[in-house]
């Protein structure tokens, strides 16, 4: 996926989940944060961030800028910076682009199954598929984890996928690591053990667990390679 117009800035603070204070071109601006997760290890005062600029295409928007990526300083790697896309809407767009190249005969986003909306429903010949997508931005020395906060909704999605699999629908959950340097992926048991247990149960029940990383630039996020999974 490609963003239309990107500018850089310096992060100051995050008053709440939805907004941040950022210096852009020497002036302090209030910007929209396109990720309601904690992101505490990313949004540190003084880090360089990238924002989508909606100047000239505001529509009903109240804020001109949306924060979509950050340069994380990696202390375990001689201070090297790692560019991480933290736009929570981006994973579904990126995976949707990828699915369009996978020879499915029908793809429907936001498919209602049970009491949940699953990100994608697909068909290929007589086969039916369900795919839930989770964006991953939490990493330590290249080891990537999900979630960064407890997620009962995430557990509910896994339970729906297990139910779908029992009904004969091919079911999978795909973790999209929104950075390039990903050594492996694991559920974040320290933060939410129940999610990890649900994920391990899903695998035993036949739900596919997938993980891919991305090529990241300030204005693009591109589906890339498989990442090793450690459950």
C-alpha atoms as a PDB file:
ATOM      1  CA  UNK A   1       0.000   0.000   0.000  1.00  0.00           C
ATOM      2  CA  UNK A   2       1.074   3.582  -0.620  1.00  0.00           C
ATOM      3  CA  UNK A   3       0.373   6.776   1.297  1.00  0.00           C
ATOM      4  CA  UNK A   4      -0.328   9.857  -0.796  1.00  0.00           C
ATOM      5  CA  UNK A   5       1.680  12.502   1.094  1.00  0.00           C
ATOM      6  CA  UNK A   6       4.094  11.958   3.999  1.00  0.00           C
ATOM      7  CA  UNK A   7       5.927  14.444   6.213  1.00  0.00           C
ATOM      8  CA  UNK A   8       8.295  13.842   9.124  1.00  0.00           C
ATOM      9  CA  UNK A   9       8.187  15.233  12.649  1.00  0.00           C
ATOM     10  CA  UNK A  10       9.413  14.794  16.206  1.00  0.00           C
ATOM     11  CA  UNK A  11       7.144  13.150  18.777  1.00  0.00           C
ATOM     12  CA  UNK A  12       6.520  15.080  22.003  1.00  0.00           C
ATOM     13  CA  UNK A  13       3.700  13.375  23.897  1.00  0.00           C
ATOM     14  CA  UNK A  14       0.429  11.471  23.642  1.00  0.00           C
ATOM     15  CA  UNK A  15      -2.343  13.061  25.708  1.00  0.00           C
ATOM     16  CA  UNK A  16      -4.704  10.163  24.970  1.00  0.00           C
ATOM     17  CA  UNK A  17      -5.089   7.129  22.691  1.00  0.00           C
ATOM     18  CA  UNK A  18      -6.274   9.150  19.723  1.00  0.00           C
ATOM     19  CA  UNK A  19      -3.980  12.174  19.509  1.00  0.00           C
ATOM     20  CA  UNK A  20      -0.339  13.162  19.884  1.00  0.00           C
ATOM     21  CA  UNK A  21       1.686  16.356  20.064  1.00  0.00           C
ATOM     22  CA  UNK A  22       4.331  16.474  17.313  1.00  0.00           C
ATOM     23  CA  UNK A  23       6.782  19.088  16.062  1.00  0.00           C
ATOM     24  CA  UNK A  24       6.351  19.489  12.272  1.00  0.00           C
ATOM     25  CA  UNK A  25       8.451  22.036  10.401  1.00  0.00           C
ATOM     26  CA  UNK A  26       9.369  23.703  13.684  1.00  0.00           C
ATOM     27  CA  UNK A  27       5.776  24.077  14.910  1.00  0.00           C
ATOM     28  CA  UNK A  28       3.862  22.021  17.447  1.00  0.00           C
ATOM     29  CA  UNK A  29       0.799  20.276  16.007  1.00  0.00           C
ATOM     30  CA  UNK A  30      -1.930  18.066  17.424  1.00  0.00           C
ATOM     31  CA  UNK A  31      -2.152  14.983  15.192  1.00  0.00           C
ATOM     32  CA  UNK A  32      -4.322  11.891  14.940  1.00  0.00           C
ATOM     33  CA  UNK A  33      -2.700   8.602  16.015  1.00  0.00           C
ATOM     34  CA  UNK A  34      -3.766   5.720  13.746  1.00  0.00           C
ATOM     35  CA  UNK A  35      -3.271   3.123  16.469  1.00  0.00           C
ATOM     36  CA  UNK A  36      -5.175   2.995  19.765  1.00  0.00           C
ATOM     37  CA  UNK A  37      -2.774   0.397  21.239  1.00  0.00           C
ATOM     38  CA  UNK A  38      -0.297   1.287  23.961  1.00  0.00           C
ATOM     39  CA  UNK A  39       2.795   1.573  21.708  1.00  0.00           C
ATOM     40  CA  UNK A  40       4.759   2.748  24.753  1.00  0.00           C
ATOM     41  CA  UNK A  41       8.028   1.304  23.461  1.00  0.00           C
ATOM     42  CA  UNK A  42       7.581   3.258  20.199  1.00  0.00           C
ATOM     43  CA  UNK A  43       6.197   6.663  21.107  1.00  0.00           C
ATOM     44  CA  UNK A  44       9.037   8.037  23.206  1.00  0.00           C
ATOM     45  CA  UNK A  45       9.613  11.800  23.395  1.00  0.00           C
ATOM     46  CA  UNK A  46      12.159  12.901  20.814  1.00  0.00           C
ATOM     47  CA  UNK A  47      11.785  10.042  18.329  1.00  0.00           C
ATOM     48  CA  UNK A  48      11.319  10.743  14.636  1.00  0.00           C
ATOM     49  CA  UNK A  49       7.847  10.002  13.324  1.00  0.00           C
ATOM     50  CA  UNK A  50       6.164  10.045   9.929  1.00  0.00           C
ATOM     51  CA  UNK A  51       2.708  11.426   9.293  1.00  0.00           C
ATOM     52  CA  UNK A  52       0.208  11.350   6.462  1.00  0.00           C
ATOM     53  CA  UNK A  53      -0.657  14.918   5.434  1.00  0.00           C
ATOM     54  CA  UNK A  54      -4.285  15.424   4.376  1.00  0.00           C
ATOM     55  CA  UNK A  55      -3.859  19.048   3.301  1.00  0.00           C
ATOM     56  CA  UNK A  56      -6.239  19.679   0.383  1.00  0.00           C
ATOM     57  CA  UNK A  57      -8.278  16.534   1.075  1.00  0.00           C
ATOM     58  CA  UNK A  58      -9.580  17.087   4.593  1.00  0.00           C
ATOM     59  CA  UNK A  59     -13.213  16.198   3.969  1.00  0.00           C
ATOM     60  CA  UNK A  60     -14.786  15.814   7.418  1.00  0.00           C
ATOM     61  CA  UNK A  61     -11.426  15.414   9.163  1.00  0.00           C
ATOM     62  CA  UNK A  62     -10.680  17.651  12.142  1.00  0.00           C
ATOM     63  CA  UNK A  63      -6.896  17.083  12.181  1.00  0.00           C
ATOM     64  CA  UNK A  64      -4.643  17.586   9.184  1.00  0.00           C
ATOM     65  CA  UNK A  65      -2.052  14.925  10.094  1.00  0.00           C
ATOM     66  CA  UNK A  66      -2.176  11.235  11.022  1.00  0.00           C
ATOM     67  CA  UNK A  67       0.830   9.584  12.678  1.00  0.00           C
ATOM     68  CA  UNK A  68       1.557   6.344  10.807  1.00  0.00           C
ATOM     69  CA  UNK A  69       5.200   5.331  11.410  1.00  0.00           C
ATOM     70  CA  UNK A  70       8.062   5.762  13.859  1.00  0.00           C
ATOM     71  CA  UNK A  71      11.830   5.268  13.913  1.00  0.00           C
ATOM     72  CA  UNK A  72      12.461   3.050  16.923  1.00  0.00           C
ATOM     73  CA  UNK A  73      15.922   3.310  18.450  1.00  0.00           C
ATOM     74  CA  UNK A  74      17.300  -0.179  19.150  1.00  0.00           C
ATOM     75  CA  UNK A  75      19.669  -0.005  22.159  1.00  0.00           C
ATOM     76  CA  UNK A  76      20.666  -3.673  21.708  1.00  0.00           C
ATOM     77  CA  UNK A  77      21.887  -2.928  18.174  1.00  0.00           C
ATOM     78  CA  UNK A  78      24.289  -0.018  18.693  1.00  0.00           C
ATOM     79  CA  UNK A  79      21.504   2.545  18.533  1.00  0.00           C
ATOM     80  CA  UNK A  80      20.378   1.512  15.053  1.00  0.00           C
ATOM     81  CA  UNK A  81      16.913   2.743  14.137  1.00  0.00           C
ATOM     82  CA  UNK A  82      14.138   0.443  12.975  1.00  0.00           C
ATOM     83  CA  UNK A  83      11.310   1.884  10.896  1.00  0.00           C
ATOM     84  CA  UNK A  84       7.969   0.557  12.139  1.00  0.00           C
ATOM     85  CA  UNK A  85       4.614   1.271  10.538  1.00  0.00           C
ATOM     86  CA  UNK A  86       2.049   1.604  13.373  1.00  0.00           C
ATOM     87  CA  UNK A  87      -1.061   2.358  11.312  1.00  0.00           C
ATOM     88  CA  UNK A  88      -3.619  -0.150  12.623  1.00  0.00           C
ATOM     89  CA  UNK A  89      -5.674   0.139   9.419  1.00  0.00           C
ATOM     90  CA  UNK A  90      -2.726  -0.747   7.185  1.00  0.00           C
ATOM     91  CA  UNK A  91      -2.491  -4.541   7.762  1.00  0.00           C
ATOM     92  CA  UNK A  92      -5.918  -5.253   6.269  1.00  0.00           C
ATOM     93  CA  UNK A  93      -5.119  -3.106   3.237  1.00  0.00           C
ATOM     94  CA  UNK A  94      -1.758  -4.825   2.716  1.00  0.00           C
ATOM     95  CA  UNK A  95      -3.192  -8.319   3.158  1.00  0.00           C
ATOM     96  CA  UNK A  96      -6.112  -7.441   0.879  1.00  0.00           C
ATOM     97  CA  UNK A  97      -3.644  -6.476  -1.848  1.00  0.00           C
ATOM     98  CA  UNK A  98      -1.797  -9.757  -1.341  1.00  0.00           C
ATOM     99  CA  UNK A  99      -4.982 -11.848  -1.400  1.00  0.00           C
ATOM    100  CA  UNK A 100      -5.902 -10.311  -4.755  1.00  0.00           C
ATOM    101  CA  UNK A 101      -2.821 -12.056  -6.227  1.00  0.00           C
ATOM    102  CA  UNK A 102      -3.599 -15.508  -4.752  1.00  0.00           C
ATOM    103  CA  UNK A 103      -6.105 -16.804  -7.330  1.00  0.00           C
ATOM    104  CA  UNK A 104      -9.204 -16.628  -5.163  1.00  0.00           C
ATOM    105  CA  UNK A 105     -12.415 -16.453  -7.171  1.00  0.00           C
ATOM    106  CA  UNK A 106     -14.198 -14.355  -4.525  1.00  0.00           C
ATOM    107  CA  UNK A 107     -12.979 -12.131  -1.691  1.00  0.00           C
ATOM    108  CA  UNK A 108     -15.222 -10.334   0.795  1.00  0.00           C
ATOM    109  CA  UNK A 109     -13.767  -8.119   3.540  1.00  0.00           C
ATOM    110  CA  UNK A 110     -15.483  -7.710   6.925  1.00  0.00           C
ATOM    111  CA  UNK A 111     -17.389 -10.998   6.766  1.00  0.00           C
ATOM    112  CA  UNK A 112     -19.916 -11.659   9.536  1.00  0.00           C
ATOM    113  CA  UNK A 113     -19.449 -15.101  11.075  1.00  0.00           C
ATOM    114  CA  UNK A 114     -21.090 -16.056  14.351  1.00  0.00           C
ATOM    115  CA  UNK A 115     -21.097 -12.947  16.516  1.00  0.00           C
ATOM    116  CA  UNK A 116     -17.928 -11.461  14.993  1.00  0.00           C
ATOM    117  CA  UNK A 117     -16.687  -9.741  11.887  1.00  0.00           C
ATOM    118  CA  UNK A 118     -13.798 -11.707  10.408  1.00  0.00           C
ATOM    119  CA  UNK A 119     -11.457  -9.649   8.241  1.00  0.00           C
ATOM    120  CA  UNK A 120     -11.728 -11.727   5.038  1.00  0.00           C
ATOM    121  CA  UNK A 121     -13.893 -14.443   3.526  1.00  0.00           C
ATOM    122  CA  UNK A 122     -12.588 -16.061   0.332  1.00  0.00           C
ATOM    123  CA  UNK A 123     -13.625 -18.744  -2.123  1.00  0.00           C
ATOM    124  CA  UNK A 124     -11.606 -20.805  -4.555  1.00  0.00           C
ATOM    125  CA  UNK A 125     -13.565 -23.327  -6.606  1.00  0.00           C
ATOM    126  CA  UNK A 126     -15.632 -25.218  -3.993  1.00  0.00           C
ATOM    127  CA  UNK A 127     -13.441 -24.269  -1.027  1.00  0.00           C
ATOM    128  CA  UNK A 128     -14.331 -21.601   1.531  1.00  0.00           C
ATOM    129  CA  UNK A 129     -11.822 -19.680   3.639  1.00  0.00           C
ATOM    130  CA  UNK A 130     -11.849 -17.289   6.598  1.00  0.00           C
ATOM    131  CA  UNK A 131      -8.852 -15.133   7.480  1.00  0.00           C
ATOM    132  CA  UNK A 132      -8.390 -12.873  10.484  1.00  0.00           C
ATOM    133  CA  UNK A 133      -5.538 -10.324  10.323  1.00  0.00           C
ATOM    134  CA  UNK A 134      -3.625  -8.888  13.274  1.00  0.00           C
ATOM    135  CA  UNK A 135      -1.013  -6.151  12.925  1.00  0.00           C
ATOM    136  CA  UNK A 136       2.138  -6.562  15.020  1.00  0.00           C
ATOM    137  CA  UNK A 137       4.353  -3.646  16.093  1.00  0.00           C
ATOM    138  CA  UNK A 138       5.865  -4.998  19.328  1.00  0.00           C
ATOM    139  CA  UNK A 139       9.434  -6.262  19.010  1.00  0.00           C
ATOM    140  CA  UNK A 140      12.612  -6.799  21.028  1.00  0.00           C
ATOM    141  CA  UNK A 141      15.894  -7.459  19.198  1.00  0.00           C
ATOM    142  CA  UNK A 142      13.946  -8.717  16.181  1.00  0.00           C
ATOM    143  CA  UNK A 143      11.653 -11.004  18.187  1.00  0.00           C
ATOM    144  CA  UNK A 144       8.069  -9.950  17.557  1.00  0.00           C
ATOM    145  CA  UNK A 145       5.023 -10.368  19.785  1.00  0.00           C
ATOM    146  CA  UNK A 146       1.242  -9.914  19.841  1.00  0.00           C
ATOM    147  CA  UNK A 147      -0.692  -8.476  21.611  1.00  0.00           C
ATOM    148  CA  UNK A 148       0.815  -5.432  23.308  1.00  0.00           C
ATOM    149  CA  UNK A 149      -2.235  -5.223  25.609  1.00  0.00           C
ATOM    150  CA  UNK A 150      -4.880  -7.756  26.740  1.00  0.00           C
ATOM    151  CA  UNK A 151      -7.404  -8.423  23.972  1.00  0.00           C
ATOM    152  CA  UNK A 152     -10.616 -10.290  24.748  1.00  0.00           C
ATOM    153  CA  UNK A 153     -11.777  -9.383  21.249  1.00  0.00           C
ATOM    154  CA  UNK A 154      -8.751 -11.199  19.833  1.00  0.00           C
ATOM    155  CA  UNK A 155      -9.655 -14.330  21.788  1.00  0.00           C
ATOM    156  CA  UNK A 156     -13.226 -14.113  20.492  1.00  0.00           C
ATOM    157  CA  UNK A 157     -11.926 -14.009  16.910  1.00  0.00           C
ATOM    158  CA  UNK A 158      -9.837 -17.126  17.536  1.00  0.00           C
ATOM    159  CA  UNK A 159     -12.854 -18.929  18.981  1.00  0.00           C
ATOM    160  CA  UNK A 160     -14.890 -18.033  15.883  1.00  0.00           C
ATOM    161  CA  UNK A 161     -12.126 -19.394  13.623  1.00  0.00           C
ATOM    162  CA  UNK A 162     -12.107 -22.670  15.563  1.00  0.00           C
ATOM    163  CA  UNK A 163     -15.887 -22.887  15.143  1.00  0.00           C
ATOM    164  CA  UNK A 164     -15.557 -22.187  11.410  1.00  0.00           C
ATOM    165  CA  UNK A 165     -12.935 -24.903  11.050  1.00  0.00           C
ATOM    166  CA  UNK A 166     -15.224 -27.388  12.806  1.00  0.00           C
ATOM    167  CA  UNK A 167     -17.889 -26.486  10.222  1.00  0.00           C
ATOM    168  CA  UNK A 168     -15.526 -27.310   7.353  1.00  0.00           C
ATOM    169  CA  UNK A 169     -14.332 -23.800   6.488  1.00  0.00           C
ATOM    170  CA  UNK A 170     -10.592 -23.358   5.997  1.00  0.00           C
ATOM    171  CA  UNK A 171      -9.637 -20.919   8.739  1.00  0.00           C
ATOM    172  CA  UNK A 172      -6.466 -18.972   9.469  1.00  0.00           C
ATOM    173  CA  UNK A 173      -5.103 -16.066  11.472  1.00  0.00           C
ATOM    174  CA  UNK A 174      -2.342 -13.984   9.926  1.00  0.00           C
ATOM    175  CA  UNK A 175      -0.032 -11.775  11.972  1.00  0.00           C
ATOM    176  CA  UNK A 176       1.430  -9.022   9.820  1.00  0.00           C
ATOM    177  CA  UNK A 177       4.641  -7.673  11.339  1.00  0.00           C
ATOM    178  CA  UNK A 178       4.732  -4.008  10.360  1.00  0.00           C
ATOM    179  CA  UNK A 179       8.514  -3.912  10.056  1.00  0.00           C
ATOM    180  CA  UNK A 180      11.147  -5.687   7.990  1.00  0.00           C
ATOM    181  CA  UNK A 181      13.618  -7.047  10.542  1.00  0.00           C
ATOM    182  CA  UNK A 182      11.643  -9.867  12.141  1.00  0.00           C
ATOM    183  CA  UNK A 183      13.511 -12.943  13.346  1.00  0.00           C
ATOM    184  CA  UNK A 184      10.469 -14.737  14.687  1.00  0.00           C
ATOM    185  CA  UNK A 185       6.989 -14.271  16.141  1.00  0.00           C
ATOM    186  CA  UNK A 186       5.390 -15.508  19.369  1.00  0.00           C
ATOM    187  CA  UNK A 187       2.221 -14.765  21.328  1.00  0.00           C
ATOM    188  CA  UNK A 188       2.862 -12.293  24.140  1.00  0.00           C
ATOM    189  CA  UNK A 189       2.125 -14.621  27.041  1.00  0.00           C
ATOM    190  CA  UNK A 190       3.572 -12.181  29.544  1.00  0.00           C
ATOM    191  CA  UNK A 191       0.903  -9.606  28.661  1.00  0.00           C
ATOM    192  CA  UNK A 192      -2.037 -11.914  27.876  1.00  0.00           C
ATOM    193  CA  UNK A 193      -1.482 -15.613  28.475  1.00  0.00           C
ATOM    194  CA  UNK A 194      -5.103 -16.427  27.613  1.00  0.00           C
ATOM    195  CA  UNK A 195      -4.587 -15.156  24.070  1.00  0.00           C
ATOM    196  CA  UNK A 196      -1.515 -17.367  23.650  1.00  0.00           C
ATOM    197  CA  UNK A 197      -3.412 -20.372  25.015  1.00  0.00           C
ATOM    198  CA  UNK A 198      -6.282 -19.697  22.591  1.00  0.00           C
ATOM    199  CA  UNK A 199      -3.828 -19.473  19.704  1.00  0.00           C
ATOM    200  CA  UNK A 200      -2.173 -22.770  20.632  1.00  0.00           C
ATOM    201  CA  UNK A 201      -5.578 -24.435  20.937  1.00  0.00           C
ATOM    202  CA  UNK A 202      -6.550 -23.090  17.514  1.00  0.00           C
ATOM    203  CA  UNK A 203      -3.490 -24.688  15.957  1.00  0.00           C
ATOM    204  CA  UNK A 204      -4.381 -28.043  17.530  1.00  0.00           C
ATOM    205  CA  UNK A 205      -7.905 -27.675  16.115  1.00  0.00           C
ATOM    206  CA  UNK A 206      -6.555 -27.151  12.590  1.00  0.00           C
ATOM    207  CA  UNK A 207      -6.638 -23.355  12.289  1.00  0.00           C
ATOM    208  CA  UNK A 208      -3.597 -22.171  10.332  1.00  0.00           C
ATOM    209  CA  UNK A 209      -1.316 -19.702  12.115  1.00  0.00           C
ATOM    210  CA  UNK A 210       0.587 -17.472   9.666  1.00  0.00           C
ATOM    211  CA  UNK A 211       3.071 -14.640  10.076  1.00  0.00           C
ATOM    212  CA  UNK A 212       4.662 -12.362   7.461  1.00  0.00           C
ATOM    213  CA  UNK A 213       6.803  -9.268   7.658  1.00  0.00           C
ATOM    214  CA  UNK A 214       6.742  -6.159   5.471  1.00  0.00           C
ATOM    215  CA  UNK A 215       9.029  -3.947   3.490  1.00  0.00           C
ATOM    216  CA  UNK A 216       8.572  -0.543   5.112  1.00  0.00           C
ATOM    217  CA  UNK A 217       9.341   2.979   3.928  1.00  0.00           C
ATOM    218  CA  UNK A 218       7.863   6.258   5.177  1.00  0.00           C
ATOM    219  CA  UNK A 219       5.181   6.134   2.462  1.00  0.00           C
ATOM    220  CA  UNK A 220       4.774   2.403   1.702  1.00  0.00           C
ATOM    221  CA  UNK A 221       4.020  -0.902   3.409  1.00  0.00           C
ATOM    222  CA  UNK A 222       4.494  -3.999   1.244  1.00  0.00           C
ATOM    223  CA  UNK A 223       3.760  -7.662   2.059  1.00  0.00           C
ATOM    224  CA  UNK A 224       7.049  -9.570   2.108  1.00  0.00           C
ATOM    225  CA  UNK A 225       8.217 -12.872   3.620  1.00  0.00           C
ATOM    226  CA  UNK A 226       7.133 -15.613   6.004  1.00  0.00           C
ATOM    227  CA  UNK A 227       8.325 -15.221   9.582  1.00  0.00           C
ATOM    228  CA  UNK A 228       9.125 -18.147  11.865  1.00  0.00           C
ATOM    229  CA  UNK A 229       6.408 -18.793  14.457  1.00  0.00           C
ATOM    230  CA  UNK A 230       7.176 -19.952  17.996  1.00  0.00           C
ATOM    231  CA  UNK A 231       4.066 -21.017  19.897  1.00  0.00           C
END
